[in-house]
């Protein structure tokens, strides 16, 4: 069987030592589009957009710092504890989505304290661009030929030639498609209900859908953690479970709560 061969250069530009990578471009594009989406949401609910730039500065800082620390502490703690200065070597790669999520929650909390906006309102609305950003980031992983799947013989398998010659599950594409579906779902829910949505509906749906998809796709991913575990579940699956449970609890509470999300 002939399989699709993926051998795309991860660099868009590589001139005189200056590199612009697809991953970085997609990462930046996700924040740019996210900012535009949030501006549209603010305007549709007659809210001031004067703090949008500050909001995304907090979110970008939280995402990068949280994702980097998450990778170091969740996936290869022994190495980084022995070489702590390597934590700052972000150009060498290594970002963890679970750490990024924690960083976003922290950055959003710090932003909310300065503006006194509703934290739950922000979480709900930011879930929409966050799902789109997750999709873009996984596409960036595809261009880097990283976070690949396990070997398989399914017809849609891809040979990542920069890694080896084995046909593998395109795990990055599975996740990108799943997160794109979550983005569309959340956007449709918001367009239908808008400001009348109960607080926590969008955010809980985001948590349940995104991290359930992550949990399931982990079954066909190559091992990401540097350490050996005797548990049946991967590190990514174990880290996803708390987010899923929090999402279920929040959705249950939101459905019981008769009060819509505060403006």
Protein backbone atom coordinates (compact mmCIF):
# COMPACT_ATOMS: atom_id res chain seq x y z
CA UNK A 1 0.00 0.00 0.00
CA UNK A 2 1.27 3.47 -0.88
CA UNK A 3 1.10 5.94 2.00
CA UNK A 4 1.22 9.70 1.98
CA UNK A 5 4.76 10.94 2.67
CA UNK A 6 5.19 14.06 4.78
CA UNK A 7 8.54 15.80 4.44
CA UNK A 8 7.69 19.50 4.68
CA UNK A 9 10.44 21.85 5.85
CA UNK A 10 9.43 23.20 9.28
CA UNK A 11 10.95 26.56 8.35
CA UNK A 12 9.06 29.07 6.22
CA UNK A 13 12.17 31.25 5.96
CA UNK A 14 15.76 30.29 6.72
CA UNK A 15 18.07 33.03 5.46
CA UNK A 16 21.41 34.08 7.00
CA UNK A 17 20.58 32.26 10.21
CA UNK A 18 17.17 33.93 10.53
CA UNK A 19 14.45 31.33 10.84
CA UNK A 20 10.70 31.70 10.81
CA UNK A 21 8.98 28.41 11.49
CA UNK A 22 5.49 27.29 10.59
CA UNK A 23 4.88 26.50 14.27
CA UNK A 24 5.69 30.03 15.38
CA UNK A 25 3.66 31.58 12.56
CA UNK A 26 0.61 29.46 13.38
CA UNK A 27 1.05 30.17 17.11
CA UNK A 28 1.12 33.92 16.42
CA UNK A 29 -1.82 33.67 14.00
CA UNK A 30 -3.90 31.92 16.67
CA UNK A 31 -3.45 34.87 19.04
CA UNK A 32 -4.14 37.41 16.29
CA UNK A 33 -7.37 35.66 15.28
CA UNK A 34 -8.26 35.11 18.93
CA UNK A 35 -7.93 38.83 19.58
CA UNK A 36 -10.24 39.57 16.66
CA UNK A 37 -12.78 37.02 17.89
CA UNK A 38 -12.78 38.48 21.38
CA UNK A 39 -13.16 41.99 19.98
CA UNK A 40 -16.23 40.77 18.05
CA UNK A 41 -17.64 39.18 21.23
CA UNK A 42 -17.06 42.33 23.27
CA UNK A 43 -18.75 44.49 20.65
CA UNK A 44 -21.69 42.09 20.29
CA UNK A 45 -22.30 42.39 24.06
CA UNK A 46 -21.72 46.15 24.13
CA UNK A 47 -18.58 45.92 26.23
CA UNK A 48 -15.53 48.18 26.04
CA UNK A 49 -12.63 46.77 24.00
CA UNK A 50 -9.99 49.06 25.51
CA UNK A 51 -8.39 46.22 27.51
CA UNK A 52 -8.30 43.60 24.71
CA UNK A 53 -4.58 44.13 23.99
CA UNK A 54 -3.72 43.85 27.68
CA UNK A 55 -5.84 40.70 27.96
CA UNK A 56 -3.92 38.96 25.20
CA UNK A 57 -0.57 40.06 26.58
CA UNK A 58 -1.45 38.29 29.85
CA UNK A 59 -2.73 35.26 27.93
CA UNK A 60 0.33 34.98 25.70
CA UNK A 61 2.69 35.24 28.66
CA UNK A 62 0.65 32.70 30.63
CA UNK A 63 0.51 30.29 27.69
CA UNK A 64 4.24 30.33 26.95
CA UNK A 65 5.41 30.22 30.58
CA UNK A 66 2.85 27.60 31.58
CA UNK A 67 3.45 25.41 28.53
CA UNK A 68 7.21 25.48 29.04
CA UNK A 69 7.07 24.73 32.76
CA UNK A 70 4.47 22.03 32.07
CA UNK A 71 6.79 20.30 29.62
CA UNK A 72 9.74 20.48 32.00
CA UNK A 73 7.86 19.31 35.11
CA UNK A 74 5.32 16.90 33.61
CA UNK A 75 7.31 15.17 30.88
CA UNK A 76 11.02 15.27 31.80
CA UNK A 77 11.38 16.50 35.40
CA UNK A 78 14.63 14.66 36.22
CA UNK A 79 16.52 16.28 33.34
CA UNK A 80 15.34 19.82 34.03
CA UNK A 81 15.85 19.53 37.78
CA UNK A 82 19.45 18.56 37.04
CA UNK A 83 19.81 21.30 34.39
CA UNK A 84 17.53 24.13 35.62
CA UNK A 85 18.95 26.72 33.19
CA UNK A 86 17.67 24.56 30.32
CA UNK A 87 14.15 25.50 31.39
CA UNK A 88 14.77 28.87 29.73
CA UNK A 89 16.00 27.28 26.47
CA UNK A 90 12.57 27.48 24.88
CA UNK A 91 14.12 27.64 21.38
CA UNK A 92 15.11 23.99 21.82
CA UNK A 93 11.42 23.03 21.82
CA UNK A 94 9.18 21.52 24.46
CA UNK A 95 5.76 22.97 25.27
CA UNK A 96 2.97 21.09 27.06
CA UNK A 97 -0.67 21.92 26.39
CA UNK A 98 -1.77 21.03 29.93
CA UNK A 99 0.79 23.44 31.35
CA UNK A 100 -0.34 26.02 28.82
CA UNK A 101 -3.92 25.64 30.04
CA UNK A 102 -2.84 26.23 33.64
CA UNK A 103 -0.80 29.24 32.49
CA UNK A 104 -3.84 30.67 30.70
CA UNK A 105 -6.00 30.32 33.82
CA UNK A 106 -3.30 32.05 35.86
CA UNK A 107 -2.75 34.86 33.35
CA UNK A 108 -6.49 35.40 33.07
CA UNK A 109 -6.82 35.59 36.84
CA UNK A 110 -4.07 38.22 37.05
CA UNK A 111 -5.72 40.21 34.26
CA UNK A 112 -9.16 39.92 35.87
CA UNK A 113 -7.84 41.31 39.16
CA UNK A 114 -6.75 44.49 37.38
CA UNK A 115 -9.98 45.00 35.44
CA UNK A 116 -12.58 43.50 37.81
CA UNK A 117 -14.29 41.69 34.93
CA UNK A 118 -16.13 38.46 35.67
CA UNK A 119 -13.62 35.58 35.64
CA UNK A 120 -16.25 33.05 34.58
CA UNK A 121 -17.49 35.37 31.81
CA UNK A 122 -13.95 35.62 30.48
CA UNK A 123 -13.39 31.87 30.69
CA UNK A 124 -16.59 31.20 28.77
CA UNK A 125 -15.83 33.63 25.94
CA UNK A 126 -12.14 32.78 25.70
CA UNK A 127 -13.01 29.10 25.26
CA UNK A 128 -13.97 29.89 21.66
CA UNK A 129 -10.61 31.31 20.47
CA UNK A 130 -8.77 28.84 22.73
CA UNK A 131 -10.21 25.90 20.80
CA UNK A 132 -9.12 27.52 17.53
CA UNK A 133 -5.64 28.16 18.94
CA UNK A 134 -5.35 24.49 19.98
CA UNK A 135 -6.15 23.51 16.38
CA UNK A 136 -3.48 25.86 14.98
CA UNK A 137 -0.86 24.63 17.44
CA UNK A 138 -1.43 21.00 16.45
CA UNK A 139 -1.04 22.03 12.80
CA UNK A 140 2.26 23.57 13.86
CA UNK A 141 3.24 20.22 15.37
CA UNK A 142 2.42 18.62 12.01
CA UNK A 143 4.83 20.96 10.21
CA UNK A 144 7.47 20.08 12.82
CA UNK A 145 6.84 16.33 12.28
CA UNK A 146 6.41 15.96 16.05
CA UNK A 147 3.82 14.43 18.39
CA UNK A 148 3.44 11.66 15.85
CA UNK A 149 1.26 8.58 16.15
CA UNK A 150 2.19 4.95 16.58
CA UNK A 151 2.87 2.75 13.51
CA UNK A 152 -0.28 1.57 11.72
CA UNK A 153 -1.54 0.18 8.43
CA UNK A 154 -4.75 2.23 8.17
CA UNK A 155 -5.23 3.71 4.67
CA UNK A 156 -4.83 7.29 5.89
CA UNK A 157 -1.51 6.62 7.65
CA UNK A 158 1.31 9.09 6.98
CA UNK A 159 5.04 8.46 6.70
CA UNK A 160 6.85 11.25 8.52
CA UNK A 161 10.04 11.05 6.50
CA UNK A 162 11.96 13.36 8.82
CA UNK A 163 11.38 10.80 11.61
CA UNK A 164 11.47 7.37 9.95
CA UNK A 165 9.94 5.34 7.12
CA UNK A 166 7.07 3.81 9.09
CA UNK A 167 3.42 4.62 8.28
CA UNK A 168 1.92 6.18 11.40
CA UNK A 169 -1.33 7.61 12.74
CA UNK A 170 -1.36 11.37 11.99
CA UNK A 171 -2.13 12.13 15.64
CA UNK A 172 -1.58 15.86 15.15
CA UNK A 173 -4.27 15.95 12.47
CA UNK A 174 -6.66 13.96 14.65
CA UNK A 175 -6.30 16.55 17.39
CA UNK A 176 -6.42 19.52 15.01
CA UNK A 177 -9.67 18.26 13.50
CA UNK A 178 -11.15 17.52 16.93
CA UNK A 179 -10.30 21.01 18.21
CA UNK A 180 -11.65 22.61 15.03
CA UNK A 181 -14.93 20.76 15.64
CA UNK A 182 -14.98 22.04 19.24
CA UNK A 183 -14.34 25.59 18.01
CA UNK A 184 -17.25 25.41 15.54
CA UNK A 185 -19.54 23.91 18.19
CA UNK A 186 -18.74 26.60 20.77
CA UNK A 187 -19.11 29.36 18.19
CA UNK A 188 -22.51 28.06 17.11
CA UNK A 189 -23.69 27.81 20.72
CA UNK A 190 -22.55 31.38 21.37
CA UNK A 191 -24.14 32.74 18.19
CA UNK A 192 -27.44 31.13 19.14
CA UNK A 193 -27.51 32.18 22.81
CA UNK A 194 -25.04 35.04 23.11
CA UNK A 195 -25.21 36.96 26.39
CA UNK A 196 -28.10 34.77 27.55
CA UNK A 197 -25.80 31.80 28.08
CA UNK A 198 -25.58 30.51 31.62
CA UNK A 199 -22.19 31.05 33.20
CA UNK A 200 -19.88 28.08 32.74
CA UNK A 201 -21.65 26.43 29.78
CA UNK A 202 -19.05 27.28 27.16
CA UNK A 203 -16.03 26.72 29.40
CA UNK A 204 -17.25 23.38 30.75
CA UNK A 205 -18.09 22.19 27.23
CA UNK A 206 -14.60 23.24 26.14
CA UNK A 207 -12.94 21.31 28.97
CA UNK A 208 -14.97 18.14 28.43
CA UNK A 209 -14.63 18.06 24.64
CA UNK A 210 -11.00 19.16 24.26
CA UNK A 211 -9.55 16.97 26.98
CA UNK A 212 -11.75 13.96 26.15
CA UNK A 213 -10.42 14.19 22.58
CA UNK A 214 -6.89 14.45 23.94
CA UNK A 215 -7.47 11.45 26.22
CA UNK A 216 -8.73 9.25 23.38
CA UNK A 217 -6.11 10.29 20.81
CA UNK A 218 -3.33 9.53 23.31
CA UNK A 219 -4.02 5.83 22.66
CA UNK A 220 -2.52 6.19 19.17
CA UNK A 221 0.30 8.60 20.05
CA UNK A 222 3.93 7.76 20.59
CA UNK A 223 5.16 8.12 24.17
CA UNK A 224 5.84 11.76 25.07
CA UNK A 225 7.19 11.53 28.62
CA UNK A 226 10.90 10.86 29.05
CA UNK A 227 10.41 8.68 32.13
CA UNK A 228 9.10 5.11 32.38
CA UNK A 229 5.67 4.53 33.91
CA UNK A 230 4.02 1.22 34.75
CA UNK A 231 0.55 2.77 34.55
CA UNK A 232 -1.74 1.81 31.69
CA UNK A 233 -2.49 5.47 30.96
CA UNK A 234 -0.03 7.94 29.45
CA UNK A 235 1.06 11.16 31.15
CA UNK A 236 -1.15 13.12 28.75
CA UNK A 237 -4.17 11.01 29.70
CA UNK A 238 -3.54 11.33 33.43
CA UNK A 239 -3.21 15.10 33.09
CA UNK A 240 -6.42 15.28 31.03
CA UNK A 241 -8.61 13.50 33.58
CA UNK A 242 -8.78 16.38 36.13
CA UNK A 243 -9.79 18.83 33.39
CA UNK A 244 -12.56 16.47 32.21
CA UNK A 245 -13.87 15.99 35.75
CA UNK A 246 -13.81 19.74 36.44
CA UNK A 247 -15.69 20.29 33.17
CA UNK A 248 -18.37 17.75 34.09
CA UNK A 249 -18.83 19.30 37.55
CA UNK A 250 -19.04 22.82 36.09
CA UNK A 251 -21.52 21.75 33.40
CA UNK A 252 -23.74 20.08 36.00
CA UNK A 253 -23.68 23.23 38.14
CA UNK A 254 -24.31 25.50 35.14
CA UNK A 255 -27.33 23.49 33.99
CA UNK A 256 -28.81 23.63 37.48
CA UNK A 257 -28.12 27.35 37.87
CA UNK A 258 -31.06 29.45 36.59
CA UNK A 259 -28.95 32.61 36.38
CA UNK A 260 -27.39 33.50 32.97
CA UNK A 261 -23.78 34.58 32.63
CA UNK A 262 -23.11 38.04 34.09
CA UNK A 263 -22.22 40.92 31.84
